[in-house]
N, C-alpha and C. Protein backbone atom coordinates (compact mmCIF):
# COMPACT_ATOMS: atom_id res chain seq x y z
N MET A 1 -15.64 -27.18 -8.90
CA MET A 1 -14.92 -26.42 -7.92
C MET A 1 -14.14 -25.32 -8.63
N ALA A 2 -14.20 -24.08 -8.08
CA ALA A 2 -13.53 -22.93 -8.69
C ALA A 2 -12.04 -22.99 -8.42
N LYS A 3 -11.28 -22.57 -9.42
CA LYS A 3 -9.83 -22.50 -9.26
C LYS A 3 -9.46 -21.31 -8.38
N ALA A 4 -8.51 -21.51 -7.48
CA ALA A 4 -8.02 -20.40 -6.66
C ALA A 4 -7.09 -19.55 -7.51
N LYS A 5 -7.27 -18.24 -7.42
CA LYS A 5 -6.40 -17.33 -8.15
C LYS A 5 -5.07 -17.24 -7.42
N PRO A 6 -3.96 -17.16 -8.17
CA PRO A 6 -2.66 -17.02 -7.51
C PRO A 6 -2.56 -15.68 -6.78
N GLN A 7 -1.87 -15.71 -5.66
CA GLN A 7 -1.68 -14.49 -4.88
C GLN A 7 -0.76 -13.54 -5.64
N PRO A 8 -1.10 -12.26 -5.70
CA PRO A 8 -0.21 -11.30 -6.36
C PRO A 8 1.10 -11.17 -5.57
N ALA A 9 2.15 -10.91 -6.30
CA ALA A 9 3.46 -10.76 -5.67
C ALA A 9 3.48 -9.48 -4.83
N PRO A 10 4.28 -9.47 -3.77
CA PRO A 10 4.41 -8.25 -2.99
C PRO A 10 5.04 -7.15 -3.86
N PRO A 11 4.70 -5.91 -3.60
CA PRO A 11 5.26 -4.82 -4.40
C PRO A 11 6.78 -4.75 -4.24
N ALA A 12 7.43 -4.26 -5.27
CA ALA A 12 8.89 -4.14 -5.25
C ALA A 12 9.35 -2.99 -4.36
N SER A 13 8.50 -1.99 -4.21
CA SER A 13 8.88 -0.81 -3.43
C SER A 13 7.64 -0.07 -2.96
N TYR A 14 7.84 0.91 -2.10
CA TYR A 14 6.74 1.76 -1.64
C TYR A 14 6.10 2.46 -2.82
N GLU A 15 6.92 2.97 -3.72
CA GLU A 15 6.41 3.70 -4.87
C GLU A 15 5.58 2.81 -5.78
N ALA A 16 6.04 1.57 -5.98
CA ALA A 16 5.30 0.62 -6.80
C ALA A 16 3.96 0.28 -6.15
N ALA A 17 3.96 0.11 -4.84
CA ALA A 17 2.72 -0.18 -4.12
C ALA A 17 1.75 0.99 -4.23
N LEU A 18 2.27 2.20 -4.11
CA LEU A 18 1.42 3.39 -4.19
C LEU A 18 0.81 3.53 -5.58
N ARG A 19 1.61 3.27 -6.63
CA ARG A 19 1.08 3.33 -8.00
C ARG A 19 -0.01 2.28 -8.21
N GLU A 20 0.25 1.07 -7.73
CA GLU A 20 -0.75 0.00 -7.88
C GLU A 20 -2.02 0.34 -7.11
N LEU A 21 -1.87 0.91 -5.92
CA LEU A 21 -3.02 1.30 -5.12
C LEU A 21 -3.83 2.39 -5.81
N GLU A 22 -3.16 3.36 -6.39
CA GLU A 22 -3.86 4.43 -7.12
C GLU A 22 -4.62 3.87 -8.32
N ASP A 23 -3.99 2.95 -9.07
CA ASP A 23 -4.66 2.32 -10.21
C ASP A 23 -5.87 1.52 -9.75
N LEU A 24 -5.70 0.80 -8.67
CA LEU A 24 -6.78 -0.02 -8.13
C LEU A 24 -7.96 0.83 -7.68
N ILE A 25 -7.68 1.94 -7.03
CA ILE A 25 -8.74 2.85 -6.59
C ILE A 25 -9.52 3.36 -7.80
N GLY A 26 -8.82 3.69 -8.87
CA GLY A 26 -9.49 4.14 -10.09
C GLY A 26 -10.43 3.08 -10.64
N GLN A 27 -9.97 1.83 -10.63
CA GLN A 27 -10.81 0.73 -11.12
C GLN A 27 -12.04 0.53 -10.23
N LEU A 28 -11.82 0.58 -8.91
CA LEU A 28 -12.92 0.39 -7.97
C LEU A 28 -13.95 1.51 -8.09
N GLU A 29 -13.46 2.74 -8.26
CA GLU A 29 -14.36 3.89 -8.35
C GLU A 29 -15.11 3.94 -9.68
N SER A 30 -14.62 3.23 -10.68
CA SER A 30 -15.28 3.26 -11.99
C SER A 30 -16.66 2.62 -11.95
N GLY A 31 -16.86 1.71 -11.01
CA GLY A 31 -18.14 1.02 -10.91
C GLY A 31 -18.36 -0.01 -12.00
N GLN A 32 -17.32 -0.37 -12.73
CA GLN A 32 -17.46 -1.29 -13.85
C GLN A 32 -17.00 -2.72 -13.55
N LEU A 33 -16.53 -2.96 -12.33
CA LEU A 33 -16.01 -4.29 -11.99
C LEU A 33 -17.13 -5.19 -11.47
N PRO A 34 -17.09 -6.48 -11.80
CA PRO A 34 -18.05 -7.42 -11.23
C PRO A 34 -17.81 -7.54 -9.72
N LEU A 35 -18.80 -8.00 -9.00
CA LEU A 35 -18.75 -8.08 -7.55
C LEU A 35 -17.53 -8.86 -7.06
N GLU A 36 -17.23 -9.99 -7.69
CA GLU A 36 -16.09 -10.80 -7.25
C GLU A 36 -14.78 -10.02 -7.40
N ASP A 37 -14.66 -9.28 -8.49
CA ASP A 37 -13.45 -8.47 -8.70
C ASP A 37 -13.39 -7.30 -7.72
N LEU A 38 -14.55 -6.77 -7.36
CA LEU A 38 -14.57 -5.69 -6.37
C LEU A 38 -14.01 -6.18 -5.04
N LEU A 39 -14.44 -7.36 -4.63
CA LEU A 39 -13.96 -7.93 -3.37
C LEU A 39 -12.46 -8.20 -3.44
N ALA A 40 -12.00 -8.79 -4.54
CA ALA A 40 -10.57 -9.06 -4.70
C ALA A 40 -9.77 -7.75 -4.72
N GLY A 41 -10.31 -6.73 -5.38
CA GLY A 41 -9.65 -5.43 -5.42
C GLY A 41 -9.57 -4.79 -4.05
N TYR A 42 -10.64 -4.91 -3.30
CA TYR A 42 -10.65 -4.35 -1.94
C TYR A 42 -9.59 -5.06 -1.08
N GLN A 43 -9.53 -6.39 -1.19
CA GLN A 43 -8.54 -7.15 -0.41
C GLN A 43 -7.12 -6.77 -0.81
N ARG A 44 -6.88 -6.64 -2.12
CA ARG A 44 -5.54 -6.26 -2.58
C ARG A 44 -5.20 -4.86 -2.09
N GLY A 45 -6.19 -3.97 -2.14
CA GLY A 45 -5.98 -2.61 -1.65
C GLY A 45 -5.60 -2.59 -0.18
N ALA A 46 -6.25 -3.42 0.62
CA ALA A 46 -5.92 -3.51 2.04
C ALA A 46 -4.49 -4.02 2.23
N GLU A 47 -4.08 -4.99 1.41
CA GLU A 47 -2.70 -5.50 1.49
C GLU A 47 -1.70 -4.41 1.12
N LEU A 48 -1.99 -3.67 0.06
CA LEU A 48 -1.09 -2.60 -0.38
C LEU A 48 -1.00 -1.50 0.67
N LEU A 49 -2.13 -1.16 1.27
CA LEU A 49 -2.14 -0.14 2.31
C LEU A 49 -1.31 -0.58 3.51
N GLN A 50 -1.44 -1.84 3.90
CA GLN A 50 -0.65 -2.36 5.00
C GLN A 50 0.84 -2.33 4.65
N PHE A 51 1.19 -2.69 3.43
CA PHE A 51 2.59 -2.66 2.97
C PHE A 51 3.14 -1.23 3.08
N CYS A 52 2.37 -0.25 2.56
CA CYS A 52 2.82 1.15 2.58
C CYS A 52 2.98 1.65 4.02
N ARG A 53 2.01 1.34 4.86
CA ARG A 53 2.12 1.76 6.27
C ARG A 53 3.33 1.15 6.93
N GLY A 54 3.62 -0.11 6.63
CA GLY A 54 4.79 -0.77 7.19
C GLY A 54 6.08 -0.08 6.77
N LYS A 55 6.15 0.29 5.49
CA LYS A 55 7.35 1.00 5.00
C LYS A 55 7.49 2.36 5.67
N LEU A 56 6.38 3.09 5.80
CA LEU A 56 6.43 4.40 6.44
C LEU A 56 6.80 4.28 7.92
N ASP A 57 6.28 3.27 8.60
CA ASP A 57 6.63 3.05 10.01
C ASP A 57 8.12 2.74 10.15
N ALA A 58 8.66 1.94 9.23
CA ALA A 58 10.08 1.61 9.28
C ALA A 58 10.95 2.84 9.10
N VAL A 59 10.56 3.71 8.18
CA VAL A 59 11.31 4.96 7.96
C VAL A 59 11.20 5.85 9.20
N ASP A 60 10.01 5.92 9.78
CA ASP A 60 9.81 6.71 10.99
C ASP A 60 10.72 6.22 12.12
N GLN A 61 10.81 4.89 12.27
CA GLN A 61 11.69 4.33 13.30
C GLN A 61 13.15 4.68 13.04
N GLN A 62 13.57 4.61 11.78
CA GLN A 62 14.95 4.95 11.44
C GLN A 62 15.25 6.41 11.76
N ILE A 63 14.30 7.28 11.47
CA ILE A 63 14.49 8.71 11.76
C ILE A 63 14.59 8.93 13.26
N ARG A 64 13.74 8.25 14.02
CA ARG A 64 13.79 8.40 15.48
C ARG A 64 15.15 7.95 16.02
N VAL A 65 15.68 6.86 15.49
CA VAL A 65 16.99 6.38 15.93
C VAL A 65 18.06 7.40 15.59
N LEU A 66 18.01 7.93 14.37
CA LEU A 66 19.01 8.90 13.96
C LEU A 66 18.93 10.20 14.76
N ASP A 67 17.72 10.55 15.20
CA ASP A 67 17.52 11.77 15.98
C ASP A 67 17.47 11.50 17.47
N ASP A 68 17.96 10.35 17.91
CA ASP A 68 17.97 9.95 19.32
C ASP A 68 16.58 10.02 19.96
N GLY A 69 15.57 9.63 19.21
CA GLY A 69 14.21 9.56 19.74
C GLY A 69 13.46 10.85 19.76
N ALA A 70 14.08 11.95 19.41
CA ALA A 70 13.40 13.24 19.43
C ALA A 70 12.95 13.60 18.03
N LEU A 71 11.65 13.83 17.89
CA LEU A 71 11.15 14.28 16.58
C LEU A 71 11.46 15.76 16.44
N LYS A 72 11.97 16.13 15.30
CA LYS A 72 12.33 17.51 15.05
C LYS A 72 11.40 18.09 14.01
N PRO A 73 11.12 19.38 14.06
CA PRO A 73 10.25 19.98 13.04
C PRO A 73 10.87 19.85 11.66
N TRP A 74 10.00 19.64 10.67
CA TRP A 74 10.44 19.51 9.29
C TRP A 74 10.78 20.89 8.75
N THR A 75 11.96 21.02 8.18
CA THR A 75 12.34 22.27 7.52
C THR A 75 12.85 21.94 6.15
N GLU A 76 12.34 22.63 5.17
CA GLU A 76 12.81 22.42 3.79
C GLU A 76 13.96 23.39 3.56
N GLY A 77 14.93 22.91 2.82
CA GLY A 77 15.98 23.83 2.50
C GLY A 77 17.26 23.23 2.34
């Protein structure tokens, strides 16, 4: 019977998740990973993407609350 691999820890931050996702994409695109690792990488990538989307949605909600529900155009300056 194969040993189950331990689940990776959740990312510490959005930035950490994004860095890990970028590294993972590079590994997947290299074409050098065995099939089992490709599947595990794809699953981890999906988890990281969900984490990042969750963080972005939370920030979006905070901005909406601060702006009383009205989205305002982005202006730099």
